[in-house]
Amino acid sequence: MKMRSSSNVRIRRKYLLWLKEARGLSDASVDRAAASIARFEAVTGGADFKSFHVEKARAFKRRLESETNARTGRPLSAGLIDGTLRDLKAFFGWLADQPSYRSKLSHADAAYFTPSRRVAKSAHGGAWRDHPSPEQAAHAVRSMPGETLIERRDRAMMALLYLTGGRDGALITLRIRNIDLRGRCVHFSGRDVETKFGKMFTSWFFPIGEEFEQYVAEWVSELREKLFFGPGDPVFPRQATGLGEDGSFAAQGLERAPYANTARVAAICKSAFEGAGLPAFTPHLLRKTLVDLASSHCRTPEEFKAWSQNLGHEDVMTTFRSYGAVAPGRQRDLIYRMRPVDEEEGEALFDPC
């Protein structure tokens, strides 16, 4: 790979600063944009952005759609392709307005990074995606061990994940003061919790069973009464390590600090489901599980609106679009039930099987 252009480094730094300070984007969003730009530079050999040509954008799109994940060997997800191209479209569109770049490229050039309709539809179309059923999620949490300090922490984390549908970034930054056990709710405050877009909302525990609330209550009590954690300390602190008796690194309790990223939440979730003999689902998929559960609890539009707000959605259509897809088998059953029924036989007039 060629040495990256020094002008690329400067303009990229300026753009990322603009995203953070002028657009108000989160660190995670800025990091994603930086990763997308770095991916493009890796393909172009670090060529100066001023040498951009629409053919480079077209070639990059083809490259993305043919690439495979280095870890799984599978094609890149539509979400990753769509997000990367949108990041680059925004970046080169911004470049087109900057001095020294205006004569080199235009907004029309940046538009060549627009994802194909196929990719965009796949990434945002709300297609049904395999996720744990309410019974599977409950079984996974119940199957988790609770003998050690770390095991009890992990079980409480999974229980709260299922009780609230909280995002993994919010869970690792949650403070003890954010949990109201008497009110049976969690206050996701954007001031001290990493919520999406800095939202502030309260999530009352979904009706999945008091045993899950008990896991959380017992853990918070242990933090307060045995470990002497205070209101500002994290609910799910990271594990402390140090030199053991044999001179090797070993676990040594908990630190009064949260994890730096969400990797640990994903690992705990994967371990919980696999430990219960189930597929390794991700934390975010539990939000789809809770939307499935809404069908057995919500009977009015107002009730579903409350359920949607409990997930942190301001617009109920977000819940429908992003999480409300119906499984193909369930879709078949629902449509089949709507068919005319033979009054004498009590059966549908048409049997699809």
Protein backbone atom coordinates (compact mmCIF):
# COMPACT_ATOMS: atom_id res chain seq x y z
CA MET A 1 0.00 0.00 0.00
CA LYS A 2 1.23 3.48 -0.85
CA MET A 3 1.92 6.08 1.81
CA ARG A 4 -1.23 8.00 2.56
CA SER A 5 -1.34 11.55 1.30
CA SER A 6 -0.63 14.09 4.04
CA SER A 7 -3.44 16.25 2.67
CA ASN A 8 -5.78 13.26 3.13
CA VAL A 9 -4.83 13.07 6.79
CA ARG A 10 -5.49 16.76 7.36
CA ILE A 11 -8.80 16.94 5.51
CA ARG A 12 -10.04 13.73 7.06
CA ARG A 13 -9.25 15.05 10.55
CA LYS A 14 -11.09 18.28 9.71
CA TYR A 15 -14.13 16.34 8.50
CA LEU A 16 -14.31 14.11 11.56
CA LEU A 17 -14.06 17.16 13.81
CA TRP A 18 -16.89 18.75 11.80
CA LEU A 19 -19.06 15.67 12.28
CA LYS A 20 -18.55 15.76 16.02
CA GLU A 21 -18.71 19.48 16.73
CA ALA A 22 -20.91 20.87 13.94
CA ARG A 23 -23.20 17.89 13.36
CA GLY A 24 -23.18 16.74 16.99
CA LEU A 25 -22.66 13.07 16.10
CA SER A 26 -21.68 10.57 18.76
CA ASP A 27 -18.16 9.16 19.04
CA ALA A 28 -19.46 5.85 17.69
CA SER A 29 -20.88 7.52 14.56
CA VAL A 30 -17.67 9.47 14.01
CA ASP A 31 -15.62 6.30 14.40
CA ARG A 32 -17.82 4.53 11.86
CA ALA A 33 -17.30 7.34 9.35
CA ALA A 34 -13.54 7.19 9.93
CA ALA A 35 -13.58 3.42 9.35
CA SER A 36 -15.51 3.85 6.09
CA ILE A 37 -13.04 6.43 4.79
CA ALA A 38 -10.12 4.21 5.82
CA ARG A 39 -11.68 1.28 3.93
CA PHE A 40 -11.88 3.40 0.78
CA GLU A 41 -8.27 4.56 1.15
CA ALA A 42 -7.11 0.98 1.59
CA VAL A 43 -8.69 0.06 -1.75
CA THR A 44 -7.30 3.11 -3.57
CA GLY A 45 -3.82 2.73 -2.11
CA GLY A 46 -4.07 5.95 -0.13
CA ALA A 47 -4.40 8.09 -3.25
CA ASP A 48 -5.03 11.79 -2.74
CA PHE A 49 -8.75 12.56 -2.53
CA LYS A 50 -8.17 15.27 -5.14
CA SER A 51 -7.55 12.54 -7.69
CA PHE A 52 -11.03 11.13 -7.16
CA HIS A 53 -12.91 9.94 -10.22
CA VAL A 54 -16.39 8.43 -10.44
CA GLU A 55 -14.87 5.19 -11.72
CA LYS A 56 -13.15 4.82 -8.34
CA ALA A 57 -16.53 4.98 -6.63
CA ARG A 58 -18.01 2.42 -9.02
CA ALA A 59 -15.05 0.08 -8.56
CA PHE A 60 -15.25 0.46 -4.78
CA LYS A 61 -18.96 -0.46 -4.79
CA ARG A 62 -18.24 -3.59 -6.81
CA ARG A 63 -15.39 -4.46 -4.45
CA LEU A 64 -17.62 -4.14 -1.38
CA GLU A 65 -20.31 -6.38 -2.82
CA SER A 66 -17.75 -9.09 -3.64
CA GLU A 67 -15.82 -8.91 -0.35
CA THR A 68 -16.18 -11.47 2.42
CA ASN A 69 -15.95 -11.15 6.16
CA ALA A 70 -12.43 -12.15 7.23
CA ARG A 71 -13.75 -13.94 10.32
CA THR A 72 -16.82 -15.76 8.98
CA GLY A 73 -15.95 -16.05 5.30
CA ARG A 74 -19.44 -14.84 4.42
CA PRO A 75 -20.27 -11.88 2.14
CA LEU A 76 -20.39 -8.50 3.84
CA SER A 77 -23.83 -7.69 5.23
CA ALA A 78 -26.11 -5.32 3.38
CA GLY A 79 -26.09 -3.09 6.45
CA LEU A 80 -22.31 -2.73 6.38
CA ILE A 81 -22.23 -2.05 2.63
CA ASP A 82 -25.06 0.45 2.87
CA GLY A 83 -23.55 2.27 5.85
CA THR A 84 -20.07 2.44 4.32
CA LEU A 85 -21.32 3.87 1.03
CA ARG A 86 -23.53 6.42 2.76
CA ASP A 87 -20.61 7.54 4.92
CA LEU A 88 -18.47 8.02 1.81
CA LYS A 89 -21.23 9.81 -0.08
CA ALA A 90 -21.53 12.26 2.83
CA PHE A 91 -17.76 12.70 3.06
CA PHE A 92 -17.16 13.40 -0.63
CA GLY A 93 -20.23 15.62 -0.73
CA TRP A 94 -18.66 17.66 2.06
CA LEU A 95 -15.31 17.67 0.23
CA ALA A 96 -16.98 19.16 -2.84
CA ASP A 97 -17.64 22.33 -0.81
CA GLN A 98 -14.10 22.68 0.55
CA PRO A 99 -11.45 25.01 -0.89
CA SER A 100 -8.92 23.19 -3.10
CA TYR A 101 -11.45 20.40 -3.72
CA ARG A 102 -14.30 22.28 -5.41
CA SER A 103 -12.56 22.20 -8.78
CA LYS A 104 -11.70 18.50 -8.42
CA LEU A 105 -15.07 16.94 -7.63
CA SER A 106 -18.75 17.76 -7.36
CA HIS A 107 -21.85 16.66 -5.49
CA ALA A 108 -22.83 14.74 -8.60
CA ASP A 109 -19.56 12.78 -8.29
CA ALA A 110 -20.27 11.98 -4.63
CA ALA A 111 -23.68 10.63 -5.64
CA TYR A 112 -21.93 7.66 -7.26
CA PHE A 113 -21.51 6.26 -3.74
CA THR A 114 -25.29 5.85 -3.46
CA PRO A 115 -26.05 2.22 -2.52
CA SER A 116 -27.99 0.16 -5.03
CA ARG A 117 -31.70 -0.18 -4.36
CA ARG A 118 -31.17 -3.87 -3.72
CA VAL A 119 -28.62 -3.20 -0.99
CA ALA A 120 -30.62 -0.31 0.52
CA LYS A 121 -33.81 -2.38 0.55
CA SER A 122 -32.05 -5.29 2.18
CA ALA A 123 -30.46 -3.03 4.80
CA HIS A 124 -33.57 -0.99 5.66
CA GLY A 125 -36.48 -3.02 4.36
CA GLY A 126 -37.46 -4.44 7.74
CA ALA A 127 -37.26 -8.04 6.50
CA TRP A 128 -37.85 -10.74 9.09
CA ARG A 129 -34.65 -11.85 10.81
CA ASP A 130 -34.22 -14.91 12.97
CA HIS A 131 -34.24 -13.96 16.65
CA PRO A 132 -34.98 -15.68 19.96
CA SER A 133 -38.57 -16.40 20.87
CA PRO A 134 -39.77 -15.16 24.29
CA GLU A 135 -39.50 -18.73 25.58
CA GLN A 136 -35.93 -19.11 24.29
CA ALA A 137 -34.86 -15.79 25.82
CA ALA A 138 -36.35 -16.72 29.20
CA HIS A 139 -34.73 -20.16 29.08
CA ALA A 140 -31.33 -18.68 28.28
CA VAL A 141 -31.43 -16.35 31.30
CA ARG A 142 -32.74 -19.04 33.65
CA SER A 143 -29.97 -21.41 32.53
CA MET A 144 -27.17 -19.01 33.46
CA PRO A 145 -25.13 -19.98 36.53
CA GLY A 146 -24.95 -17.68 39.54
CA GLU A 147 -22.31 -19.15 41.80
CA THR A 148 -19.55 -16.57 41.37
CA LEU A 149 -19.55 -12.79 41.45
CA ILE A 150 -18.99 -12.54 37.70
CA GLU A 151 -21.70 -15.10 36.96
CA ARG A 152 -24.24 -13.14 39.02
CA ARG A 153 -23.26 -9.93 37.25
CA ASP A 154 -23.65 -11.54 33.84
CA ARG A 155 -27.02 -13.09 34.73
CA ALA A 156 -28.31 -9.76 36.02
CA MET A 157 -27.12 -8.08 32.81
CA MET A 158 -29.01 -10.55 30.63
CA ALA A 159 -32.09 -10.23 32.83
CA LEU A 160 -32.08 -6.44 32.55
CA LEU A 161 -31.44 -6.68 28.81
CA TYR A 162 -34.62 -8.74 28.51
CA LEU A 163 -36.61 -6.64 31.00
CA THR A 164 -35.97 -3.36 29.17
CA GLY A 165 -34.67 -4.12 25.67
CA GLY A 166 -31.85 -1.69 26.47
CA ARG A 167 -29.10 -1.28 23.92
CA ASP A 168 -25.71 -2.74 24.81
CA GLY A 169 -24.06 0.70 24.88
CA ALA A 170 -26.62 1.87 27.43
CA LEU A 171 -26.14 -1.19 29.63
CA ILE A 172 -22.39 -0.79 30.03
CA THR A 173 -22.78 2.89 30.99
CA LEU A 174 -25.78 2.43 33.28
CA ARG A 175 -25.30 3.74 36.83
CA ILE A 176 -26.90 2.44 40.00
CA ARG A 177 -28.84 5.68 40.38
CA ASN A 178 -30.52 5.02 37.02
CA ILE A 179 -32.30 1.92 38.33
CA ASP A 180 -35.50 2.33 40.36
CA LEU A 181 -36.27 -1.11 41.75
CA ARG A 182 -39.27 0.06 43.71
CA GLY A 183 -40.75 1.71 40.63
CA ARG A 184 -39.64 -1.31 38.55
CA CYS A 185 -38.02 0.81 35.88
CA VAL A 186 -34.75 2.17 34.46
CA HIS A 187 -34.15 5.83 33.68
CA PHE A 188 -32.09 5.95 30.51
CA SER A 189 -30.71 9.46 30.87
CA GLY A 190 -28.71 10.69 27.90
CA ARG A 191 -26.64 12.80 30.30
CA ASP A 192 -24.81 9.86 31.84
CA VAL A 193 -25.96 6.83 29.84
CA GLU A 194 -24.94 6.10 26.23
CA THR A 195 -28.41 6.14 24.68
CA LYS A 196 -29.03 6.45 20.95
CA PHE A 197 -28.88 10.13 19.96
CA GLY A 198 -28.61 11.02 23.65
CA LYS A 199 -32.30 10.26 24.25
CA MET A 200 -33.80 10.51 27.72
CA PHE A 201 -36.61 8.07 28.49
CA THR A 202 -37.84 5.69 31.17
CA SER A 203 -38.30 2.00 30.49
CA TRP A 204 -40.58 0.16 32.89
CA PHE A 205 -39.85 -3.54 33.19
CA PHE A 206 -41.64 -5.51 30.50
CA PRO A 207 -43.99 -8.22 31.87
CA ILE A 208 -41.71 -11.20 31.43
CA GLY A 209 -41.65 -12.52 35.01
CA GLU A 210 -40.68 -11.40 38.50
CA GLU A 211 -37.80 -13.87 38.69
CA PHE A 212 -35.88 -11.74 36.19
CA GLU A 213 -36.52 -8.63 38.26
CA GLN A 214 -35.23 -10.58 41.25
CA TYR A 215 -31.93 -11.33 39.51
CA VAL A 216 -31.43 -7.60 38.99
CA ALA A 217 -32.56 -6.63 42.49
CA GLU A 218 -30.24 -9.16 44.14
CA TRP A 219 -27.30 -7.95 42.05
CA VAL A 220 -27.87 -4.29 42.84
CA SER A 221 -28.23 -5.19 46.52
CA GLU A 222 -24.92 -7.08 46.39
CA LEU A 223 -23.20 -4.10 44.79
CA ARG A 224 -24.50 -1.74 47.45
CA GLU A 225 -24.27 -3.85 50.60
CA LYS A 226 -21.30 -6.14 49.98
CA LEU A 227 -19.11 -4.25 47.54
CA PHE A 228 -20.11 -0.78 48.82
CA PHE A 229 -20.84 0.68 45.40
CA GLY A 230 -22.49 4.10 45.32
CA PRO A 231 -25.18 5.71 43.13
CA GLY A 232 -22.65 6.87 40.53
CA ASP A 233 -20.92 3.53 40.12
CA PRO A 234 -21.70 1.28 37.13
CA VAL A 235 -24.32 -1.44 37.46
CA PHE A 236 -22.22 -3.82 35.40
CA PRO A 237 -18.58 -2.98 36.21
CA ARG A 238 -15.70 -4.55 34.39
CA GLN A 239 -13.70 -7.37 35.84
CA ALA A 240 -10.46 -6.51 37.59
CA THR A 241 -7.33 -8.50 36.81
CA GLY A 242 -3.98 -8.77 38.52
CA LEU A 243 -1.11 -11.13 39.19
CA GLY A 244 -2.17 -14.36 40.83
CA GLU A 245 -0.20 -16.56 43.19
CA ASP A 246 1.45 -18.34 40.27
CA GLY A 247 2.58 -15.04 38.72
CA SER A 248 0.04 -15.12 35.87
CA PHE A 249 -2.84 -12.73 35.34
CA ALA A 250 -6.04 -13.73 37.12
CA ALA A 251 -9.49 -12.30 37.88
CA GLN A 252 -9.55 -10.24 41.05
CA GLY A 253 -13.07 -8.98 41.62
CA LEU A 254 -14.58 -5.92 39.98
CA GLU A 255 -13.37 -2.42 39.22
CA ARG A 256 -15.48 0.68 39.81
CA ALA A 257 -15.47 1.39 36.09
CA PRO A 258 -17.57 0.31 33.09
CA TYR A 259 -16.31 -1.59 30.08
CA ALA A 260 -14.84 0.60 27.36
CA ASN A 261 -16.91 -1.01 24.59
CA THR A 262 -19.83 -3.36 24.06
CA ALA A 263 -17.82 -6.45 23.14
CA ARG A 264 -18.30 -7.94 26.60
CA VAL A 265 -22.10 -7.62 26.40
CA ALA A 266 -22.09 -9.48 23.08
CA ALA A 267 -19.87 -12.20 24.57
CA ILE A 268 -22.14 -12.62 27.61
CA CYS A 269 -25.24 -12.84 25.41
CA LYS A 270 -23.63 -15.37 23.10
CA SER A 271 -22.48 -17.49 26.03
CA ALA A 272 -25.94 -17.39 27.64
CA PHE A 273 -27.74 -18.69 24.56
CA GLU A 274 -25.10 -21.26 23.67
CA GLY A 275 -25.01 -22.44 27.28
CA ALA A 276 -28.74 -23.11 27.00
CA GLY A 277 -28.22 -25.11 23.80
CA LEU A 278 -29.55 -22.35 21.55
CA PRO A 279 -28.10 -20.35 18.62
CA ALA A 280 -25.72 -17.52 19.54
CA PHE A 281 -28.06 -14.54 19.30
CA THR A 282 -26.84 -10.96 19.67
CA PRO A 283 -28.09 -8.53 22.36
CA HIS A 284 -29.91 -6.30 19.87
CA LEU A 285 -32.10 -9.17 18.69
CA LEU A 286 -33.80 -9.26 22.08
CA ARG A 287 -35.54 -6.04 21.06
CA LYS A 288 -37.24 -8.02 18.29
CA THR A 289 -38.18 -10.64 20.89
CA LEU A 290 -39.91 -7.99 22.99
CA VAL A 291 -41.84 -6.71 19.97
CA ASP A 292 -43.00 -10.29 19.37
CA LEU A 293 -44.16 -10.37 22.99
CA ALA A 294 -46.25 -7.26 22.40
CA SER A 295 -48.71 -9.28 20.31
CA SER A 296 -49.81 -11.21 23.41
CA HIS A 297 -50.13 -8.14 25.66
CA CYS A 298 -51.17 -5.12 23.57
CA ARG A 299 -54.85 -4.92 22.68
CA THR A 300 -55.23 -1.24 21.78
CA PRO A 301 -53.17 1.29 19.79
CA GLU A 302 -52.48 3.14 23.04
CA GLU A 303 -51.03 0.01 24.64
CA PHE A 304 -48.74 -0.63 21.68
CA LYS A 305 -47.66 3.01 21.74
CA ALA A 306 -46.69 2.60 25.41
CA TRP A 307 -44.80 -0.59 24.53
CA SER A 308 -42.99 1.27 21.72
CA GLN A 309 -42.04 4.17 24.00
CA ASN A 310 -40.73 1.66 26.52
CA LEU A 311 -38.19 0.64 23.88
CA GLY A 312 -37.13 4.26 23.48
CA HIS A 313 -38.99 4.86 20.22
CA GLU A 314 -40.58 8.28 19.80
CA ASP A 315 -42.44 7.16 16.67
CA VAL A 316 -44.44 3.94 16.89
CA MET A 317 -43.77 3.35 13.19
CA THR A 318 -40.09 2.89 14.04
CA THR A 319 -41.11 -0.15 16.07
CA PHE A 320 -43.15 -1.53 13.19
CA ARG A 321 -40.57 -0.83 10.49
CA SER A 322 -37.44 -1.96 12.31
CA TYR A 323 -38.71 -4.72 14.58
CA GLY A 324 -42.23 -5.65 13.56
CA ALA A 325 -41.63 -8.00 10.62
CA VAL A 326 -43.71 -11.17 10.82
CA ALA A 327 -42.05 -14.56 10.48
CA PRO A 328 -43.00 -16.31 7.20
CA GLY A 329 -44.73 -19.20 8.99
CA ARG A 330 -46.70 -16.83 11.20
CA GLN A 331 -47.60 -14.73 8.16
CA ARG A 332 -49.01 -17.83 6.47
CA ASP A 333 -51.06 -18.77 9.54
CA LEU A 334 -52.51 -15.29 9.95
CA ILE A 335 -53.55 -15.01 6.30
CA TYR A 336 -54.97 -18.56 6.37
CA ARG A 337 -57.17 -17.65 9.34
CA MET A 338 -58.69 -14.79 7.37
CA ARG A 339 -60.06 -17.10 4.66
CA PRO A 340 -63.81 -17.86 4.52
CA VAL A 341 -64.88 -20.73 6.75
CA ASP A 342 -67.29 -23.51 5.77
CA GLU A 343 -70.03 -23.08 8.37
CA GLU A 344 -71.02 -26.77 8.30
CA GLU A 345 -67.52 -28.22 8.48
CA GLY A 346 -65.96 -25.39 10.51
CA GLU A 347 -62.87 -25.46 8.28
CA ALA A 348 -61.32 -23.02 5.84
CA LEU A 349 -62.62 -23.44 2.29
CA PHE A 350 -59.09 -23.55 0.98
CA ASP A 351 -56.25 -25.57 2.44
CA PRO A 352 -52.81 -24.32 1.27
CA CYS A 353 -51.27 -27.65 2.20
